[in-house]
Amino acid sequence: MAASSGSVSIKDVAAEAGVSVATVSRVVNSHPSVSPAARARVLAAVEALGYRPNAVARSLRTDQTRTLGLVISDVLNPYFTELARSVEEAARALGYSVIIGNADERPELQDHHVRTLLDRRIDGLLVSPTDGGSPLMLDAVRAGTPMVFVDRWIPGVEVPVVRSDGRQAVRDLVAHLHGLGHRRLAIIAGPAATTTGSERVEAFRDALREHGIALPDAYIGQGDFQADSGRRATERFLSLPEPPEVVFAADNLMALGALDAIRAHGLRVPHDIGLAAFDDIPWFVHTDPPITAIAQPTGDLGRAAVQALIDRIEGRSPRSVTLPARLVVRRSCGEPAVRRTQPGRRAGTDPSTAPAPDTDPSTQRSKP
């Protein structure tokens, strides 16, 4: 019968295995300079006695806690929830634990979590910055803290960045909308202080320019990556003398807010106005109609970020990673404009206003 782990010391394990305490320590800390036979005896003794090494004491000996910190922008955003999950899974597979802090899109809360994680002697830090600069993070970088930016980054700071590139996907979206006959296209932007907020607006503007379409100021709504801001921006769009034909929300929560505003006006998507979003989420398959969205490779981003950080921790040269996003076409942008009613007016029962076929395989159902 195994002894209680609280009463078993490293000396007990050494005596049981017939090796020195130093050998047990090397095995517990995964040091390579132990013979296979000695390693097997130590592991057998650890199992037999139920020994569990003291993580704090071990960290003091090795100067490592095998713990990573992750500060995400908003835990309620399904994109960041999935990103955190992929980070945790990848870290666990490599023998690391993860402590997660939720910044809630607030720079002061972000810095609180960064400070707390550094005080807990984490081995490295993954951050999705909520703004363009944090003196605390800059100090941590200068002090040599292993750090990787994920999804967002701080320009000019020499830290590896793991992110997706949505420019081509935005071009694909605009080409799709242009092909449907839409010309009045609006965007709900994220905070300009974030790299993703500014980059997505510029990508949208550039893509429109390729098709000879302007982006007037009236068709730019300022959001904060939260649903309420998407609702307010869409309310303003709908009050314009000439409302947009399609609203593109630069993140998923703002898209849900936009959908609420459209429905509150008694309008229907896509019959009266189209809707698209950056950051695909599972909910978009189940809305009515399913929402066209740009999907980021969230799992791959999380795994790449963990690997880059551990490379930095273990003395290897980490590299920045950029992965492509992709457009997922569903039914929320409607049929060609020649078949649509004027935006802002209720559609009739003309059969030509039936939704276009869904090109997202996840929403297809086989007929009985």
Protein backbone atom coordinates (compact mmCIF):
# COMPACT_ATOMS: atom_id res chain seq x y z
CA MET A 1 0.00 0.00 0.00
CA ALA A 2 1.40 3.41 -0.98
CA ALA A 3 2.34 5.74 1.84
CA SER A 4 0.76 9.15 2.24
CA SER A 5 2.53 11.60 -0.06
CA GLY A 6 2.74 14.12 2.78
CA SER A 7 4.88 11.74 4.87
CA VAL A 8 7.20 10.60 2.09
CA SER A 9 10.42 12.49 1.53
CA ILE A 10 12.95 12.43 -1.27
CA LYS A 11 15.26 10.52 1.06
CA ASP A 12 12.65 7.76 1.38
CA VAL A 13 12.49 7.46 -2.40
CA ALA A 14 16.29 7.33 -2.65
CA ALA A 15 16.45 4.55 -0.04
CA GLU A 16 13.68 2.57 -1.76
CA ALA A 17 15.37 2.86 -5.16
CA GLY A 18 18.90 2.28 -3.85
CA VAL A 19 20.23 5.53 -5.34
CA SER A 20 21.40 8.89 -4.04
CA VAL A 21 19.11 11.80 -3.25
CA ALA A 22 20.79 13.69 -6.10
CA THR A 23 19.79 10.96 -8.56
CA VAL A 24 16.16 11.15 -7.42
CA SER A 25 16.25 14.93 -7.84
CA ARG A 26 17.60 14.60 -11.39
CA VAL A 27 14.86 12.12 -12.32
CA VAL A 28 12.10 14.27 -10.81
CA ASN A 29 13.39 17.33 -12.69
CA SER A 30 13.74 15.41 -16.00
CA HIS A 31 17.51 15.81 -16.11
CA PRO A 32 19.02 13.71 -18.91
CA SER A 33 22.15 12.54 -17.05
CA VAL A 34 20.54 9.48 -15.41
CA SER A 35 20.92 5.91 -16.66
CA PRO A 36 17.74 4.19 -17.88
CA ALA A 37 18.05 1.54 -15.17
CA ALA A 38 18.40 4.09 -12.36
CA ARG A 39 15.55 6.18 -13.79
CA ALA A 40 13.30 3.11 -13.87
CA ARG A 41 14.09 2.27 -10.21
CA VAL A 42 13.40 5.82 -9.09
CA LEU A 43 10.09 6.00 -10.96
CA ALA A 44 9.05 2.66 -9.51
CA ALA A 45 9.87 3.92 -6.01
CA VAL A 46 7.97 7.15 -6.59
CA GLU A 47 4.92 5.13 -7.65
CA ALA A 48 5.20 2.63 -4.81
CA LEU A 49 5.57 5.27 -2.10
CA GLY A 50 3.14 7.79 -3.60
CA TYR A 51 5.79 10.49 -3.55
CA ARG A 52 4.81 13.91 -4.86
CA PRO A 53 7.62 16.49 -5.12
CA ASN A 54 7.02 19.88 -3.56
CA ALA A 55 6.56 22.23 -6.52
CA VAL A 56 7.71 25.30 -4.60
CA ALA A 57 10.88 23.64 -3.32
CA ARG A 58 11.62 22.27 -6.77
CA SER A 59 11.19 25.71 -8.35
CA LEU A 60 13.69 27.15 -5.88
CA ARG A 61 16.25 24.49 -6.87
CA THR A 62 15.71 24.73 -10.62
CA ASP A 63 14.68 28.41 -10.86
CA GLN A 64 11.65 27.21 -12.84
CA THR A 65 8.04 26.70 -11.84
CA ARG A 66 6.94 24.94 -15.07
CA THR A 67 4.13 27.50 -15.12
CA LEU A 68 3.10 29.88 -17.89
CA GLY A 69 0.94 32.98 -17.58
CA LEU A 70 -1.75 33.85 -20.13
CA VAL A 71 -3.50 37.23 -20.15
CA ILE A 72 -6.41 37.29 -22.60
CA SER A 73 -8.47 40.28 -23.63
CA ASP A 74 -11.96 39.00 -22.81
CA VAL A 75 -12.83 35.58 -21.41
CA LEU A 76 -16.49 36.05 -22.43
CA ASN A 77 -15.49 36.27 -26.08
CA PRO A 78 -15.73 32.71 -27.47
CA TYR A 79 -12.65 33.32 -29.62
CA PHE A 80 -10.47 33.99 -26.58
CA THR A 81 -12.10 31.17 -24.62
CA GLU A 82 -11.09 28.74 -27.35
CA LEU A 83 -7.63 30.30 -27.57
CA ALA A 84 -7.13 29.82 -23.82
CA ARG A 85 -8.24 26.22 -24.10
CA SER A 86 -5.77 25.47 -26.88
CA VAL A 87 -2.95 27.17 -24.93
CA GLU A 88 -3.72 25.13 -21.81
CA GLU A 89 -3.84 21.86 -23.74
CA ALA A 90 -0.59 22.54 -25.59
CA ALA A 91 1.21 23.60 -22.41
CA ARG A 92 0.01 20.57 -20.47
CA ALA A 93 1.28 18.25 -23.20
CA LEU A 94 4.73 19.81 -22.76
CA GLY A 95 4.71 19.56 -18.97
CA TYR A 96 3.64 23.10 -18.12
CA SER A 97 0.67 24.50 -16.23
CA VAL A 98 -1.12 27.73 -17.19
CA ILE A 99 -2.51 30.52 -15.00
CA ILE A 100 -5.05 32.64 -16.89
CA GLY A 101 -5.92 36.29 -16.30
CA ASN A 102 -8.89 38.03 -17.95
CA ALA A 103 -8.21 41.68 -18.85
CA ASP A 104 -11.84 42.33 -19.82
CA GLU A 105 -10.54 44.78 -22.47
CA ARG A 106 -9.27 47.07 -19.65
CA PRO A 107 -5.58 48.11 -19.70
CA GLU A 108 -5.45 48.58 -15.92
CA LEU A 109 -6.81 45.07 -15.32
CA GLN A 110 -4.37 43.68 -17.87
CA ASP A 111 -1.46 45.20 -15.93
CA HIS A 112 -2.85 43.87 -12.66
CA HIS A 113 -2.76 40.33 -14.03
CA VAL A 114 0.70 40.79 -15.54
CA ARG A 115 2.05 42.06 -12.22
CA THR A 116 0.41 39.21 -10.28
CA LEU A 117 1.76 36.57 -12.64
CA LEU A 118 5.28 37.98 -12.50
CA ASP A 119 5.10 37.97 -8.69
CA ARG A 120 4.21 34.27 -8.83
CA ARG A 121 7.47 33.56 -10.65
CA ILE A 122 5.97 32.18 -13.85
CA ASP A 123 8.49 30.96 -16.40
CA GLY A 124 7.01 32.94 -19.27
CA LEU A 125 4.08 35.10 -20.31
CA LEU A 126 1.60 35.02 -23.20
CA VAL A 127 -0.33 38.27 -23.66
CA SER A 128 -3.00 39.59 -26.02
CA PRO A 129 -2.52 43.32 -25.32
CA THR A 130 -5.59 45.47 -24.74
CA ASP A 131 -3.87 48.66 -25.94
CA GLY A 132 -0.83 49.94 -27.78
CA GLY A 133 1.51 50.22 -24.84
CA SER A 134 1.95 49.15 -21.23
CA PRO A 135 4.99 50.47 -19.27
CA LEU A 136 4.78 47.41 -17.02
CA MET A 137 5.03 44.98 -19.95
CA LEU A 138 7.79 47.01 -21.55
CA ASP A 139 9.73 46.88 -18.27
CA ALA A 140 9.19 43.11 -18.11
CA VAL A 141 10.55 42.73 -21.65
CA ARG A 142 13.61 44.84 -20.83
CA ALA A 143 14.17 42.73 -17.71
CA GLY A 144 14.37 39.61 -19.87
CA THR A 145 11.02 38.03 -19.01
CA PRO A 146 10.21 35.44 -21.71
CA MET A 147 7.14 36.80 -23.46
CA VAL A 148 5.10 36.15 -26.60
CA PHE A 149 2.25 38.27 -27.96
CA VAL A 150 -0.70 36.27 -29.26
CA ASP A 151 -3.48 37.59 -31.56
CA ARG A 152 -2.56 41.23 -30.83
CA TRP A 153 0.82 42.86 -30.35
CA ILE A 154 2.55 46.11 -29.42
CA PRO A 155 4.29 47.57 -32.49
CA GLY A 156 7.99 48.23 -32.08
CA VAL A 157 8.45 45.89 -29.12
CA GLU A 158 10.93 43.09 -29.77
CA VAL A 159 8.68 40.22 -28.73
CA PRO A 160 7.67 37.25 -30.92
CA VAL A 161 4.11 37.56 -32.24
CA VAL A 162 1.78 34.65 -33.03
CA ARG A 163 -1.26 35.85 -34.94
CA SER A 164 -3.47 35.30 -37.94
CA ASP A 165 -3.46 37.44 -41.07
CA GLY A 166 -7.01 38.34 -42.04
CA ARG A 167 -6.22 40.63 -44.97
CA GLN A 168 -6.79 38.03 -47.67
CA ALA A 169 -9.93 36.80 -45.93
CA VAL A 170 -11.27 40.37 -45.81
CA ARG A 171 -10.49 40.72 -49.52
CA ASP A 172 -12.39 37.48 -50.13
CA LEU A 173 -15.33 38.82 -48.12
CA VAL A 174 -15.50 42.10 -50.05
CA ALA A 175 -15.21 40.23 -53.35
CA HIS A 176 -18.08 38.00 -52.22
CA LEU A 177 -20.22 41.01 -51.31
CA HIS A 178 -19.33 42.79 -54.53
CA GLY A 179 -20.30 39.70 -56.48
CA LEU A 180 -23.70 39.75 -54.79
CA GLY A 181 -24.15 43.31 -56.03
CA HIS A 182 -23.63 45.12 -52.72
CA ARG A 183 -21.95 48.53 -52.88
CA ARG A 184 -22.87 50.32 -49.64
CA LEU A 185 -20.69 48.49 -47.13
CA ALA A 186 -20.13 49.58 -43.52
CA ILE A 187 -17.78 48.37 -40.79
CA ILE A 188 -18.00 48.34 -37.00
CA ALA A 189 -14.36 48.79 -36.00
CA GLY A 190 -12.59 47.69 -32.85
CA PRO A 191 -10.53 50.07 -30.69
CA ALA A 192 -7.92 51.91 -32.75
CA ALA A 193 -5.43 51.42 -29.91
CA THR A 194 -5.35 47.68 -30.63
CA THR A 195 -3.51 46.27 -33.61
CA THR A 196 -6.47 44.10 -34.60
CA GLY A 197 -8.83 47.08 -34.35
CA SER A 198 -6.81 49.27 -36.70
CA GLU A 199 -5.66 46.48 -39.03
CA ARG A 200 -9.14 45.21 -39.84
CA VAL A 201 -10.42 48.66 -40.79
CA GLU A 202 -7.44 49.22 -43.09
CA ALA A 203 -7.86 45.79 -44.66
CA PHE A 204 -11.54 46.52 -45.30
CA ARG A 205 -10.79 49.95 -46.77
CA ASP A 206 -8.08 48.52 -49.02
CA ALA A 207 -10.34 45.72 -50.22
CA LEU A 208 -13.13 48.17 -51.05
CA ARG A 209 -10.68 50.33 -52.97
CA GLU A 210 -9.78 47.36 -55.16
CA HIS A 211 -13.41 47.31 -56.30
CA GLY A 212 -13.69 51.08 -56.70
CA ILE A 213 -15.83 51.46 -53.55
CA ALA A 214 -15.24 54.25 -51.04
CA LEU A 215 -15.60 53.92 -47.28
CA PRO A 216 -17.19 57.17 -46.07
CA ASP A 217 -16.86 58.18 -42.43
CA ALA A 218 -20.60 57.65 -41.97
CA TYR A 219 -20.08 53.96 -42.71
CA ILE A 220 -17.41 53.51 -40.01
CA GLY A 221 -18.81 52.73 -36.57
CA GLN A 222 -16.45 52.88 -33.60
CA GLY A 223 -16.76 49.84 -31.34
CA ASP A 224 -14.87 48.30 -28.45
CA PHE A 225 -15.16 44.57 -29.24
CA GLN A 226 -18.25 44.38 -27.01
CA ALA A 227 -21.85 43.66 -28.04
CA ASP A 228 -23.25 47.00 -26.83
CA SER A 229 -20.94 48.94 -29.12
CA GLY A 230 -22.05 46.84 -32.08
CA ARG A 231 -25.65 47.60 -31.22
CA ARG A 232 -25.04 51.36 -30.95
CA ALA A 233 -23.07 51.53 -34.21
CA THR A 234 -25.77 49.66 -36.08
CA GLU A 235 -28.48 51.90 -34.66
CA ARG A 236 -26.60 54.84 -36.15
CA PHE A 237 -26.17 53.10 -39.51
CA LEU A 238 -29.90 52.40 -39.69
CA SER A 239 -30.73 56.04 -38.98
CA LEU A 240 -28.79 57.27 -42.01
CA PRO A 241 -30.72 58.60 -45.03
CA GLU A 242 -29.04 55.87 -47.05
CA PRO A 243 -28.29 52.91 -44.75
CA PRO A 244 -25.60 50.43 -45.72
CA GLU A 245 -26.55 47.26 -47.55
CA VAL A 246 -24.17 45.16 -45.42
CA VAL A 247 -22.62 45.68 -41.98
CA PHE A 248 -19.26 44.01 -41.33
CA ALA A 249 -18.49 43.73 -37.61
CA ALA A 250 -14.79 43.45 -36.77
CA ASP A 251 -15.43 40.86 -34.08
CA ASN A 252 -18.08 38.33 -33.13
CA LEU A 253 -19.57 40.07 -30.08
CA MET A 254 -20.10 43.30 -32.00
CA ALA A 255 -21.80 41.23 -34.73
CA LEU A 256 -24.27 39.86 -32.17
CA GLY A 257 -24.98 43.40 -30.99
CA ALA A 258 -25.56 44.45 -34.59
CA LEU A 259 -27.99 41.58 -35.07
CA ASP A 260 -29.92 42.70 -31.98
CA ALA A 261 -30.23 46.25 -33.37
CA ILE A 262 -31.38 45.02 -36.77
CA ARG A 263 -34.09 42.86 -35.22
CA ALA A 264 -35.15 45.65 -32.84
CA HIS A 265 -35.92 47.75 -35.94
CA GLY A 266 -38.15 45.02 -37.28
CA LEU A 267 -35.71 44.25 -40.08
CA ARG A 268 -34.55 40.89 -41.32
CA VAL A 269 -31.12 39.55 -42.25
CA PRO A 270 -30.37 39.30 -45.15
CA HIS A 271 -33.62 40.51 -46.76
CA ASP A 272 -33.32 44.07 -45.47
CA ILE A 273 -29.63 44.30 -44.58
CA GLY A 274 -26.69 41.90 -44.70
CA LEU A 275 -24.37 41.04 -41.82
CA ALA A 276 -20.85 39.58 -41.68
CA ALA A 277 -18.27 39.24 -38.92
CA PHE A 278 -14.62 38.72 -38.12
CA ASP A 279 -13.93 35.79 -35.74
CA ASP A 280 -16.19 32.86 -36.52
CA ILE A 281 -17.81 31.17 -33.52
CA PRO A 282 -20.04 28.09 -33.16
CA TRP A 283 -23.08 30.27 -32.42
CA PHE A 284 -23.02 31.69 -35.95
CA VAL A 285 -24.09 28.35 -37.37
CA HIS A 286 -27.23 28.41 -35.22
CA THR A 287 -28.40 31.99 -35.77
CA ASP A 288 -31.20 32.61 -38.28
CA PRO A 289 -29.78 32.99 -40.82
CA PRO A 290 -26.28 31.55 -40.18
CA ILE A 291 -23.73 34.36 -40.28
CA THR A 292 -20.95 34.74 -42.84
CA ALA A 293 -17.70 35.12 -40.93
CA ILE A 294 -13.92 35.14 -41.12
CA ALA A 295 -12.50 32.21 -39.16
CA GLN A 296 -9.13 32.30 -37.43
CA PRO A 297 -7.14 29.06 -36.85
CA THR A 298 -7.54 29.40 -33.09
CA GLY A 299 -6.19 25.98 -32.07
CA ASP A 300 -3.10 26.35 -34.24
CA LEU A 301 -2.49 29.84 -32.86
CA GLY A 302 -2.59 28.59 -29.28
CA ARG A 303 -0.22 25.72 -29.97
CA ALA A 304 2.21 27.92 -31.91
CA ALA A 305 2.20 30.53 -29.13
CA VAL A 306 3.04 27.95 -26.46
CA GLN A 307 5.84 26.48 -28.55
CA ALA A 308 7.32 29.94 -29.21
CA LEU A 309 7.25 30.79 -25.51
CA ILE A 310 8.81 27.52 -24.42
CA ASP A 311 11.51 27.93 -27.06
CA ARG A 312 12.27 31.30 -25.48
CA ILE A 313 12.26 29.84 -21.96
CA GLU A 314 14.55 26.97 -22.88
CA GLY A 315 17.08 29.14 -24.67
CA ARG A 316 16.12 28.47 -28.26
CA SER A 317 15.41 31.23 -30.76
CA PRO A 318 11.62 31.69 -30.95
CA ARG A 319 10.07 32.90 -34.16
CA SER A 320 6.98 34.91 -34.93
CA VAL A 321 4.20 32.96 -36.63
CA THR A 322 1.49 34.31 -38.94
CA LEU A 323 -1.30 31.97 -40.04
CA PRO A 324 -3.98 32.75 -42.64
CA ALA A 325 -7.61 33.33 -41.69
CA ARG A 326 -10.34 32.15 -44.06
CA LEU A 327 -13.78 33.26 -45.16
CA VAL A 328 -16.76 31.04 -44.28
CA VAL A 329 -19.73 31.98 -46.49
CA ARG A 330 -23.19 31.41 -45.03
CA ARG A 331 -26.56 33.04 -45.74
CA SER A 332 -26.42 36.33 -43.87
CA CYS A 333 -25.37 38.51 -46.80
CA GLY A 334 -28.23 37.45 -49.02
CA GLU A 335 -28.81 37.20 -52.70
CA PRO A 336 -27.72 39.53 -55.52
CA ALA A 337 -28.79 43.11 -54.92
CA VAL A 338 -31.03 43.21 -57.98
CA ARG A 339 -33.33 40.83 -56.12
CA ARG A 340 -33.22 42.63 -52.80
CA THR A 341 -35.55 45.21 -51.33
CA GLN A 342 -34.20 48.65 -50.44
CA PRO A 343 -32.16 48.49 -47.19
CA GLY A 344 -34.17 49.67 -44.24
CA ARG A 345 -37.52 48.50 -45.68
CA ARG A 346 -39.26 45.27 -44.92
CA ALA A 347 -39.06 42.61 -47.62
CA GLY A 348 -42.24 41.24 -49.12
CA THR A 349 -43.16 37.69 -49.97
CA ASP A 350 -41.56 37.70 -53.40
CA PRO A 351 -40.00 34.24 -53.77
CA SER A 352 -36.95 35.86 -55.35
CA THR A 353 -35.93 37.06 -51.85
CA ALA A 354 -35.28 33.51 -50.63
CA PRO A 355 -31.87 33.14 -48.94
CA ALA A 356 -28.92 32.01 -51.00
CA PRO A 357 -27.65 28.46 -50.46
CA ASP A 358 -25.41 27.98 -47.44
CA THR A 359 -21.82 27.23 -48.47
CA ASP A 360 -20.65 26.33 -44.97
CA PRO A 361 -20.58 22.50 -44.77
CA SER A 362 -21.23 22.62 -41.04
CA THR A 363 -24.77 23.89 -41.65
CA GLN A 364 -25.75 21.35 -44.28
CA ARG A 365 -28.31 18.72 -43.31
CA SER A 366 -29.01 15.58 -45.21
CA LYS A 367 -32.55 15.08 -46.38
CA PRO A 368 -34.50 12.22 -44.80
